[in-house]
Amino acid sequence: MKRDDVLDWMRSHRESVHGDPEQILGRAEREARHHAAEHAWLYAKRIALREAASWHECSLGSHAAEDAVAREVCHDLARELRHLEPQPDRDPVRLLESETLAALEQDAAAQMRPWIGDVAGEEEHKVWKEIVRFTHERASELIREGSMSTTSGWEDTHSYSETAERLASILALDFEQHARRVP
């Protein structure tokens, strides 16, 4: 079902919609996109935290230049994320605010359900592609910012697993900050 179809239905069933159908539909679309994007970033955060915990459990292993570890870990995590794309919750109760839901009678909410699920799915897919791209490029940014050292001498470097754990934790924080900034 398309947006125009839902809007036409809402206009022809005014008794099922408490307020301006176009405003309610616009608000519902924004809320669904917001929740889907936020969900994607927080899902990526959980994966990064899982990676950090996994690296924490590893033996210290050999020393490695932090910039090399950053490139490798970000690339590997981006590749893994590409295969772990979440499926958005399609339930309007989870996607819409209570005020928006209150403006819809049960039949109007049922009419909107497939469309709002599609909107959330499209948004989550778009954001997930952005998360994969961001993860892949983050190593270069961290190196440029000076967060990852380019030192390669044995006595000046951390172990591979320590650096990988630190990097996964940085990514988890990045993902959480993106989730907070979702419009």
N, C-alpha and C. Protein backbone atom coordinates (compact mmCIF):
# COMPACT_ATOMS: atom_id res chain seq x y z
N MET A 1 0.84 -1.17 0.00
CA MET A 1 0.00 0.00 0.00
C MET A 1 0.89 1.24 0.00
N LYS A 2 0.48 2.23 -0.71
CA LYS A 2 1.24 3.48 -0.83
C LYS A 2 0.65 4.54 0.10
N ARG A 3 1.46 5.57 0.34
CA ARG A 3 1.06 6.67 1.22
C ARG A 3 -0.25 7.30 0.75
N ASP A 4 -0.36 7.55 -0.55
CA ASP A 4 -1.57 8.18 -1.09
C ASP A 4 -2.81 7.31 -0.86
N ASP A 5 -2.65 6.00 -0.94
CA ASP A 5 -3.78 5.10 -0.69
C ASP A 5 -4.25 5.20 0.76
N VAL A 6 -3.29 5.24 1.68
CA VAL A 6 -3.63 5.37 3.11
C VAL A 6 -4.30 6.71 3.35
N LEU A 7 -3.75 7.76 2.77
CA LEU A 7 -4.32 9.09 2.95
C LEU A 7 -5.74 9.16 2.38
N ASP A 8 -5.95 8.60 1.20
CA ASP A 8 -7.30 8.57 0.61
C ASP A 8 -8.28 7.83 1.52
N TRP A 9 -7.83 6.70 2.06
CA TRP A 9 -8.70 5.92 2.95
C TRP A 9 -9.04 6.74 4.19
N MET A 10 -8.03 7.39 4.76
CA MET A 10 -8.26 8.19 5.96
C MET A 10 -9.22 9.36 5.69
N ARG A 11 -9.08 9.97 4.54
CA ARG A 11 -9.98 11.08 4.18
C ARG A 11 -11.41 10.60 3.98
N SER A 12 -11.57 9.41 3.46
CA SER A 12 -12.92 8.89 3.21
C SER A 12 -13.53 8.23 4.44
N HIS A 13 -12.75 8.08 5.51
CA HIS A 13 -13.23 7.49 6.77
C HIS A 13 -12.89 8.45 7.92
N ARG A 14 -13.35 9.67 7.81
CA ARG A 14 -13.01 10.71 8.79
C ARG A 14 -13.42 10.34 10.21
N GLU A 15 -14.43 9.50 10.35
CA GLU A 15 -14.87 9.10 11.69
C GLU A 15 -13.82 8.24 12.40
N SER A 16 -12.87 7.69 11.64
CA SER A 16 -11.83 6.84 12.21
C SER A 16 -10.54 7.58 12.50
N VAL A 17 -10.53 8.87 12.14
CA VAL A 17 -9.32 9.68 12.31
C VAL A 17 -9.69 10.94 13.09
N HIS A 18 -9.00 11.16 14.20
CA HIS A 18 -9.27 12.31 15.05
C HIS A 18 -8.25 13.40 14.76
N GLY A 19 -8.55 14.22 13.78
CA GLY A 19 -7.65 15.29 13.37
C GLY A 19 -7.48 15.29 11.86
N ASP A 20 -6.56 16.12 11.41
CA ASP A 20 -6.28 16.24 9.99
C ASP A 20 -5.52 15.00 9.50
N PRO A 21 -6.10 14.24 8.57
CA PRO A 21 -5.45 13.00 8.10
C PRO A 21 -4.03 13.23 7.58
N GLU A 22 -3.82 14.30 6.84
CA GLU A 22 -2.49 14.55 6.28
C GLU A 22 -1.46 14.83 7.38
N GLN A 23 -1.84 15.60 8.38
CA GLN A 23 -0.93 15.88 9.49
C GLN A 23 -0.63 14.62 10.28
N ILE A 24 -1.65 13.83 10.54
CA ILE A 24 -1.46 12.60 11.31
C ILE A 24 -0.57 11.64 10.54
N LEU A 25 -0.81 11.51 9.25
CA LEU A 25 -0.01 10.61 8.43
C LEU A 25 1.45 11.09 8.36
N GLY A 26 1.65 12.39 8.22
CA GLY A 26 3.00 12.94 8.20
C GLY A 26 3.73 12.70 9.51
N ARG A 27 3.02 12.91 10.60
CA ARG A 27 3.60 12.67 11.92
C ARG A 27 3.94 11.19 12.09
N ALA A 28 3.05 10.33 11.66
CA ALA A 28 3.29 8.89 11.76
C ALA A 28 4.53 8.49 10.95
N GLU A 29 4.66 9.05 9.77
CA GLU A 29 5.81 8.72 8.93
C GLU A 29 7.12 9.17 9.59
N ARG A 30 7.14 10.39 10.12
CA ARG A 30 8.35 10.90 10.80
C ARG A 30 8.69 10.02 12.01
N GLU A 31 7.68 9.67 12.79
CA GLU A 31 7.92 8.85 13.98
C GLU A 31 8.44 7.47 13.61
N ALA A 32 7.86 6.87 12.59
CA ALA A 32 8.30 5.53 12.17
C ALA A 32 9.74 5.58 11.67
N ARG A 33 10.07 6.60 10.89
CA ARG A 33 11.45 6.74 10.41
C ARG A 33 12.41 6.95 11.57
N HIS A 34 12.01 7.79 12.51
CA HIS A 34 12.86 8.06 13.68
C HIS A 34 13.12 6.77 14.46
N HIS A 35 12.07 6.05 14.79
CA HIS A 35 12.23 4.83 15.59
C HIS A 35 13.04 3.77 14.84
N ALA A 36 12.83 3.65 13.55
CA ALA A 36 13.57 2.67 12.76
C ALA A 36 15.06 3.02 12.72
N ALA A 37 15.37 4.29 12.51
CA ALA A 37 16.78 4.72 12.47
C ALA A 37 17.44 4.53 13.83
N GLU A 38 16.75 4.94 14.87
CA GLU A 38 17.28 4.78 16.22
C GLU A 38 17.53 3.30 16.52
N HIS A 39 16.59 2.45 16.16
CA HIS A 39 16.73 1.02 16.38
C HIS A 39 17.96 0.47 15.66
N ALA A 40 18.19 0.90 14.43
CA ALA A 40 19.33 0.41 13.67
C ALA A 40 20.65 0.79 14.35
N TRP A 41 20.79 2.04 14.76
CA TRP A 41 22.03 2.47 15.41
C TRP A 41 22.23 1.74 16.74
N LEU A 42 21.17 1.55 17.51
CA LEU A 42 21.31 0.85 18.79
C LEU A 42 21.60 -0.64 18.59
N TYR A 43 21.08 -1.21 17.53
CA TYR A 43 21.38 -2.61 17.20
C TYR A 43 22.87 -2.73 16.84
N ALA A 44 23.38 -1.78 16.08
CA ALA A 44 24.81 -1.78 15.75
C ALA A 44 25.65 -1.61 17.02
N LYS A 45 25.18 -0.80 17.95
CA LYS A 45 25.88 -0.63 19.21
C LYS A 45 25.99 -1.96 19.96
N ARG A 46 24.89 -2.71 20.01
CA ARG A 46 24.92 -4.01 20.69
C ARG A 46 25.93 -4.96 20.03
N ILE A 47 26.00 -4.93 18.72
CA ILE A 47 26.96 -5.77 18.01
C ILE A 47 28.39 -5.34 18.35
N ALA A 48 28.65 -4.03 18.37
CA ALA A 48 29.99 -3.53 18.69
C ALA A 48 30.37 -3.89 20.13
N LEU A 49 29.42 -3.79 21.05
CA LEU A 49 29.70 -4.18 22.44
C LEU A 49 29.98 -5.67 22.56
N ARG A 50 29.26 -6.46 21.78
CA ARG A 50 29.52 -7.91 21.75
C ARG A 50 30.94 -8.16 21.24
N GLU A 51 31.35 -7.41 20.21
CA GLU A 51 32.71 -7.54 19.67
C GLU A 51 33.74 -7.14 20.73
N ALA A 52 33.49 -6.05 21.43
CA ALA A 52 34.42 -5.59 22.47
C ALA A 52 34.57 -6.66 23.55
N ALA A 53 33.46 -7.25 23.96
CA ALA A 53 33.51 -8.31 24.97
C ALA A 53 34.27 -9.53 24.45
N SER A 54 34.09 -9.83 23.20
CA SER A 54 34.79 -10.96 22.60
C SER A 54 36.29 -10.71 22.58
N TRP A 55 36.69 -9.49 22.20
CA TRP A 55 38.11 -9.17 22.19
C TRP A 55 38.67 -9.14 23.61
N HIS A 56 37.87 -8.75 24.58
CA HIS A 56 38.31 -8.72 25.97
C HIS A 56 38.65 -10.13 26.46
N GLU A 57 37.93 -11.10 25.96
CA GLU A 57 38.13 -12.49 26.37
C GLU A 57 39.35 -13.14 25.70
N CYS A 58 39.86 -12.52 24.66
CA CYS A 58 41.01 -13.08 23.94
C CYS A 58 42.29 -12.88 24.75
N SER A 59 43.26 -13.74 24.50
CA SER A 59 44.57 -13.54 25.11
C SER A 59 45.18 -12.28 24.52
N LEU A 60 46.12 -11.70 25.22
CA LEU A 60 46.69 -10.44 24.76
C LEU A 60 47.33 -10.58 23.38
N GLY A 61 47.97 -11.67 23.12
CA GLY A 61 48.54 -11.88 21.79
C GLY A 61 49.68 -10.93 21.49
N SER A 62 50.00 -10.81 20.25
CA SER A 62 51.15 -10.01 19.83
C SER A 62 50.79 -8.53 19.79
N HIS A 63 51.84 -7.74 19.84
CA HIS A 63 51.68 -6.29 19.72
C HIS A 63 51.43 -5.95 18.27
N ALA A 64 50.68 -4.88 18.06
CA ALA A 64 50.38 -4.47 16.70
C ALA A 64 50.18 -2.96 16.66
N ALA A 65 50.53 -2.38 15.54
CA ALA A 65 50.31 -0.94 15.36
C ALA A 65 48.81 -0.67 15.39
N GLU A 66 48.43 0.32 16.17
CA GLU A 66 47.01 0.60 16.35
C GLU A 66 46.30 0.99 15.06
N ASP A 67 46.98 1.70 14.18
CA ASP A 67 46.34 2.09 12.94
C ASP A 67 46.04 0.87 12.07
N ALA A 68 46.94 -0.10 12.07
CA ALA A 68 46.70 -1.33 11.29
C ALA A 68 45.54 -2.12 11.89
N VAL A 69 45.49 -2.19 13.21
CA VAL A 69 44.39 -2.90 13.88
C VAL A 69 43.07 -2.19 13.57
N ALA A 70 43.08 -0.87 13.63
CA ALA A 70 41.86 -0.10 13.38
C ALA A 70 41.33 -0.38 11.97
N ARG A 71 42.21 -0.33 11.00
CA ARG A 71 41.77 -0.59 9.62
C ARG A 71 41.18 -1.99 9.49
N GLU A 72 41.86 -2.96 10.05
CA GLU A 72 41.42 -4.35 9.91
C GLU A 72 40.12 -4.61 10.67
N VAL A 73 40.04 -4.15 11.90
CA VAL A 73 38.85 -4.39 12.72
C VAL A 73 37.63 -3.66 12.15
N CYS A 74 37.80 -2.42 11.74
CA CYS A 74 36.66 -1.68 11.17
C CYS A 74 36.19 -2.34 9.88
N HIS A 75 37.13 -2.75 9.06
CA HIS A 75 36.76 -3.42 7.80
C HIS A 75 36.02 -4.72 8.09
N ASP A 76 36.56 -5.52 9.03
CA ASP A 76 35.91 -6.80 9.36
C ASP A 76 34.53 -6.59 9.98
N LEU A 77 34.42 -5.61 10.86
CA LEU A 77 33.12 -5.36 11.49
C LEU A 77 32.12 -4.84 10.47
N ALA A 78 32.56 -3.98 9.57
CA ALA A 78 31.65 -3.49 8.52
C ALA A 78 31.16 -4.65 7.66
N ARG A 79 32.05 -5.56 7.33
CA ARG A 79 31.66 -6.72 6.53
C ARG A 79 30.65 -7.59 7.31
N GLU A 80 30.89 -7.76 8.60
CA GLU A 80 29.96 -8.54 9.42
C GLU A 80 28.60 -7.83 9.53
N LEU A 81 28.62 -6.53 9.74
CA LEU A 81 27.38 -5.77 9.85
C LEU A 81 26.55 -5.87 8.58
N ARG A 82 27.22 -5.89 7.44
CA ARG A 82 26.51 -6.00 6.16
C ARG A 82 25.60 -7.23 6.15
N HIS A 83 26.01 -8.28 6.87
CA HIS A 83 25.25 -9.53 6.89
C HIS A 83 24.30 -9.63 8.08
N LEU A 84 24.31 -8.64 8.96
CA LEU A 84 23.50 -8.70 10.18
C LEU A 84 22.40 -7.64 10.22
N GLU A 85 21.99 -7.18 9.06
CA GLU A 85 20.98 -6.12 9.02
C GLU A 85 19.72 -6.55 9.78
N PRO A 86 19.27 -5.70 10.70
CA PRO A 86 18.08 -6.05 11.48
C PRO A 86 16.80 -5.87 10.66
N GLN A 87 15.77 -6.50 11.11
CA GLN A 87 14.45 -6.31 10.53
C GLN A 87 13.69 -5.41 11.50
N PRO A 88 13.11 -4.34 10.99
CA PRO A 88 12.41 -3.42 11.91
C PRO A 88 11.13 -4.05 12.45
N ASP A 89 10.78 -3.59 13.61
CA ASP A 89 9.50 -3.97 14.19
C ASP A 89 8.43 -3.25 13.37
N ARG A 90 7.48 -3.97 12.86
CA ARG A 90 6.46 -3.37 11.99
C ARG A 90 5.20 -2.99 12.75
N ASP A 91 5.20 -3.17 14.04
CA ASP A 91 4.03 -2.88 14.86
C ASP A 91 3.91 -1.38 15.11
N PRO A 92 2.82 -0.78 14.69
CA PRO A 92 2.65 0.67 14.91
C PRO A 92 2.77 1.07 16.38
N VAL A 93 2.45 0.18 17.29
CA VAL A 93 2.56 0.50 18.72
C VAL A 93 4.02 0.78 19.08
N ARG A 94 4.95 0.12 18.42
CA ARG A 94 6.38 0.34 18.68
C ARG A 94 6.96 1.48 17.83
N LEU A 95 6.32 1.79 16.74
CA LEU A 95 6.86 2.79 15.82
C LEU A 95 6.29 4.18 16.02
N LEU A 96 5.09 4.26 16.59
CA LEU A 96 4.40 5.54 16.70
C LEU A 96 4.25 5.96 18.16
N GLU A 97 4.20 7.25 18.35
CA GLU A 97 3.99 7.79 19.69
C GLU A 97 2.53 7.59 20.09
N SER A 98 2.27 7.59 21.38
CA SER A 98 0.92 7.33 21.88
C SER A 98 -0.08 8.39 21.39
N GLU A 99 0.35 9.62 21.24
CA GLU A 99 -0.54 10.69 20.74
C GLU A 99 -0.99 10.39 19.31
N THR A 100 -0.08 9.91 18.50
CA THR A 100 -0.42 9.58 17.11
C THR A 100 -1.37 8.39 17.08
N LEU A 101 -1.08 7.39 17.88
CA LEU A 101 -1.96 6.21 17.93
C LEU A 101 -3.35 6.58 18.43
N ALA A 102 -3.42 7.50 19.38
CA ALA A 102 -4.71 7.91 19.93
C ALA A 102 -5.57 8.63 18.89
N ALA A 103 -4.94 9.19 17.87
CA ALA A 103 -5.69 9.89 16.83
C ALA A 103 -6.30 8.92 15.82
N LEU A 104 -6.04 7.63 15.98
CA LEU A 104 -6.52 6.63 15.02
C LEU A 104 -7.42 5.61 15.70
N GLU A 105 -8.59 5.41 15.14
CA GLU A 105 -9.43 4.30 15.61
C GLU A 105 -8.78 3.00 15.14
N GLN A 106 -9.25 1.91 15.66
CA GLN A 106 -8.66 0.60 15.37
C GLN A 106 -8.62 0.30 13.86
N ASP A 107 -9.68 0.63 13.14
CA ASP A 107 -9.69 0.34 11.71
C ASP A 107 -8.69 1.21 10.94
N ALA A 108 -8.49 2.44 11.38
CA ALA A 108 -7.51 3.32 10.73
C ALA A 108 -6.09 2.84 11.01
N ALA A 109 -5.85 2.41 12.25
CA ALA A 109 -4.53 1.88 12.58
C ALA A 109 -4.24 0.61 11.77
N ALA A 110 -5.24 -0.23 11.62
CA ALA A 110 -5.08 -1.45 10.83
C ALA A 110 -4.81 -1.13 9.36
N GLN A 111 -5.46 -0.10 8.86
CA GLN A 111 -5.25 0.32 7.48
C GLN A 111 -3.83 0.85 7.27
N MET A 112 -3.31 1.53 8.28
CA MET A 112 -1.99 2.14 8.19
C MET A 112 -0.85 1.13 8.42
N ARG A 113 -1.14 0.06 9.13
CA ARG A 113 -0.11 -0.90 9.56
C ARG A 113 0.83 -1.34 8.44
N PRO A 114 0.37 -1.84 7.31
CA PRO A 114 1.32 -2.31 6.28
C PRO A 114 2.21 -1.18 5.75
N TRP A 115 1.60 -0.03 5.53
CA TRP A 115 2.37 1.09 4.99
C TRP A 115 3.43 1.56 5.99
N ILE A 116 3.05 1.70 7.25
CA ILE A 116 3.99 2.20 8.25
C ILE A 116 5.12 1.20 8.45
N GLY A 117 4.82 -0.09 8.33
CA GLY A 117 5.87 -1.12 8.39
C GLY A 117 6.84 -1.01 7.23
N ASP A 118 6.30 -0.72 6.04
CA ASP A 118 7.17 -0.52 4.87
C ASP A 118 8.05 0.71 5.04
N VAL A 119 7.48 1.78 5.56
CA VAL A 119 8.26 3.01 5.81
C VAL A 119 9.41 2.70 6.76
N ALA A 120 9.12 2.00 7.85
CA ALA A 120 10.17 1.66 8.82
C ALA A 120 11.22 0.75 8.19
N GLY A 121 10.79 -0.20 7.38
CA GLY A 121 11.74 -1.10 6.73
C GLY A 121 12.67 -0.37 5.77
N GLU A 122 12.13 0.54 4.99
CA GLU A 122 12.94 1.33 4.06
C GLU A 122 13.95 2.18 4.81
N GLU A 123 13.49 2.81 5.88
CA GLU A 123 14.37 3.69 6.65
C GLU A 123 15.48 2.88 7.33
N GLU A 124 15.12 1.76 7.92
CA GLU A 124 16.13 0.95 8.60
C GLU A 124 17.16 0.43 7.60
N HIS A 125 16.72 0.05 6.42
CA HIS A 125 17.66 -0.42 5.39
C HIS A 125 18.61 0.71 4.98
N LYS A 126 18.07 1.90 4.78
CA LYS A 126 18.89 3.05 4.39
C LYS A 126 19.90 3.37 5.49
N VAL A 127 19.46 3.38 6.73
CA VAL A 127 20.35 3.70 7.85
C VAL A 127 21.38 2.60 8.02
N TRP A 128 21.00 1.35 7.82
CA TRP A 128 21.95 0.25 7.98
C TRP A 128 23.09 0.36 6.96
N LYS A 129 22.77 0.75 5.75
CA LYS A 129 23.82 0.97 4.74
C LYS A 129 24.75 2.08 5.21
N GLU A 130 24.20 3.12 5.82
CA GLU A 130 25.01 4.21 6.36
C GLU A 130 25.89 3.71 7.51
N ILE A 131 25.37 2.83 8.35
CA ILE A 131 26.15 2.28 9.47
C ILE A 131 27.33 1.47 8.93
N VAL A 132 27.10 0.67 7.93
CA VAL A 132 28.18 -0.13 7.34
C VAL A 132 29.24 0.79 6.75
N ARG A 133 28.82 1.80 6.01
CA ARG A 133 29.77 2.75 5.43
C ARG A 133 30.54 3.48 6.52
N PHE A 134 29.83 3.97 7.53
CA PHE A 134 30.45 4.67 8.64
C PHE A 134 31.50 3.80 9.32
N THR A 135 31.16 2.55 9.59
CA THR A 135 32.07 1.63 10.28
C THR A 135 33.33 1.41 9.45
N HIS A 136 33.15 1.22 8.17
CA HIS A 136 34.28 0.98 7.28
C HIS A 136 35.22 2.20 7.25
N GLU A 137 34.66 3.40 7.26
CA GLU A 137 35.47 4.62 7.17
C GLU A 137 35.98 5.13 8.51
N ARG A 138 35.45 4.62 9.60
CA ARG A 138 35.78 5.16 10.92
C ARG A 138 37.25 5.00 11.27
N ALA A 139 37.90 3.94 10.84
CA ALA A 139 39.32 3.74 11.15
C ALA A 139 40.15 4.91 10.65
N SER A 140 39.93 5.31 9.41
CA SER A 140 40.69 6.42 8.84
C SER A 140 40.47 7.70 9.63
N GLU A 141 39.23 7.93 10.05
CA GLU A 141 38.92 9.13 10.84
C GLU A 141 39.65 9.10 12.18
N LEU A 142 39.64 7.95 12.84
CA LEU A 142 40.30 7.83 14.14
C LEU A 142 41.81 8.05 14.01
N ILE A 143 42.38 7.53 12.94
CA ILE A 143 43.81 7.70 12.72
C ILE A 143 44.12 9.18 12.46
N ARG A 144 43.32 9.83 11.62
CA ARG A 144 43.51 11.26 11.34
C ARG A 144 43.34 12.11 12.60
N GLU A 145 42.35 11.75 13.43
CA GLU A 145 42.10 12.50 14.67
C GLU A 145 43.19 12.28 15.70
N GLY A 146 44.01 11.26 15.50
CA GLY A 146 45.06 10.94 16.47
C GLY A 146 44.59 10.01 17.57
N SER A 147 43.40 9.44 17.43
CA SER A 147 42.89 8.51 18.44
C SER A 147 43.57 7.15 18.35
N MET A 148 44.10 6.85 17.18
CA MET A 148 44.80 5.58 16.98
C MET A 148 46.24 5.93 16.59
N SER A 149 47.18 5.40 17.32
CA SER A 149 48.59 5.70 17.09
C SER A 149 49.10 4.98 15.85
N THR A 150 50.04 5.61 15.17
CA THR A 150 50.68 4.96 14.02
C THR A 150 52.04 4.39 14.42
N THR A 151 52.32 4.36 15.71
CA THR A 151 53.56 3.80 16.21
C THR A 151 53.62 2.32 15.90
N SER A 152 54.78 1.85 15.48
CA SER A 152 54.87 0.43 15.15
C SER A 152 55.93 -0.30 15.96
N GLY A 153 56.67 0.37 16.80
CA GLY A 153 57.69 -0.30 17.61
C GLY A 153 57.05 -1.17 18.67
N TRP A 154 57.63 -2.36 18.90
CA TRP A 154 57.06 -3.33 19.84
C TRP A 154 56.81 -2.72 21.20
N GLU A 155 57.77 -1.96 21.71
CA GLU A 155 57.65 -1.41 23.06
C GLU A 155 56.63 -0.27 23.15
N ASP A 156 56.22 0.27 22.00
CA ASP A 156 55.29 1.42 21.99
C ASP A 156 53.86 1.04 21.61
N THR A 157 53.59 -0.23 21.36
CA THR A 157 52.26 -0.62 20.90
C THR A 157 51.57 -1.50 21.92
N HIS A 158 50.26 -1.54 21.82
CA HIS A 158 49.44 -2.42 22.65
C HIS A 158 49.26 -3.75 21.91
N SER A 159 48.71 -4.70 22.62
CA SER A 159 48.42 -5.97 21.94
C SER A 159 47.26 -5.76 20.98
N TYR A 160 47.19 -6.63 19.99
CA TYR A 160 46.13 -6.56 18.99
C TYR A 160 44.76 -6.58 19.67
N SER A 161 44.56 -7.52 20.60
CA SER A 161 43.23 -7.67 21.21
C SER A 161 42.86 -6.46 22.07
N GLU A 162 43.84 -5.85 22.77
CA GLU A 162 43.54 -4.65 23.55
C GLU A 162 43.08 -3.51 22.64
N THR A 163 43.78 -3.34 21.54
CA THR A 163 43.42 -2.27 20.61
C THR A 163 42.07 -2.56 19.96
N ALA A 164 41.84 -3.81 19.58
CA ALA A 164 40.56 -4.18 18.96
C ALA A 164 39.40 -3.96 19.93
N GLU A 165 39.61 -4.31 21.20
CA GLU A 165 38.57 -4.09 22.21
C GLU A 165 38.29 -2.60 22.36
N ARG A 166 39.34 -1.79 22.45
CA ARG A 166 39.18 -0.34 22.57
C ARG A 166 38.46 0.23 21.36
N LEU A 167 38.81 -0.23 20.19
CA LEU A 167 38.18 0.25 18.97
C LEU A 167 36.70 -0.12 18.92
N ALA A 168 36.37 -1.36 19.27
CA ALA A 168 34.96 -1.78 19.29
C ALA A 168 34.16 -0.95 20.29
N SER A 169 34.77 -0.60 21.41
CA SER A 169 34.10 0.25 22.40
C SER A 169 33.88 1.67 21.86
N ILE A 170 34.87 2.18 21.13
CA ILE A 170 34.72 3.49 20.50
C ILE A 170 33.56 3.46 19.51
N LEU A 171 33.50 2.41 18.70
CA LEU A 171 32.42 2.28 17.73
C LEU A 171 31.06 2.18 18.42
N ALA A 172 30.99 1.44 19.52
CA ALA A 172 29.72 1.33 20.26
C ALA A 172 29.27 2.70 20.73
N LEU A 173 30.20 3.50 21.22
CA LEU A 173 29.87 4.86 21.67
C LEU A 173 29.45 5.72 20.48
N ASP A 174 30.15 5.59 19.36
CA ASP A 174 29.76 6.32 18.15
C ASP A 174 28.33 5.98 17.74
N PHE A 175 28.01 4.70 17.74
CA PHE A 175 26.67 4.25 17.34
C PHE A 175 25.61 4.81 18.28
N GLU A 176 25.91 4.80 19.57
CA GLU A 176 24.96 5.35 20.54
C GLU A 176 24.75 6.84 20.33
N GLN A 177 25.80 7.56 20.04
CA GLN A 177 25.67 9.00 19.79
C GLN A 177 24.85 9.26 18.53
N HIS A 178 25.05 8.46 17.50
CA HIS A 178 24.22 8.60 16.29
C HIS A 178 22.74 8.34 16.61
N ALA A 179 22.48 7.34 17.45
CA ALA A 179 21.09 7.03 17.82
C ALA A 179 20.45 8.21 18.53
N ARG A 180 21.20 8.90 19.36
CA ARG A 180 20.67 10.05 20.10
C ARG A 180 20.38 11.23 19.18
N ARG A 181 21.12 11.31 18.07
CA ARG A 181 20.97 12.45 17.16
C ARG A 181 19.99 12.21 16.03
N VAL A 182 19.33 11.07 16.04
CA VAL A 182 18.37 10.78 14.97
C VAL A 182 17.27 11.83 15.02
N PRO A 183 17.00 12.48 13.86
CA PRO A 183 15.96 13.53 13.86
C PRO A 183 14.56 12.94 14.05
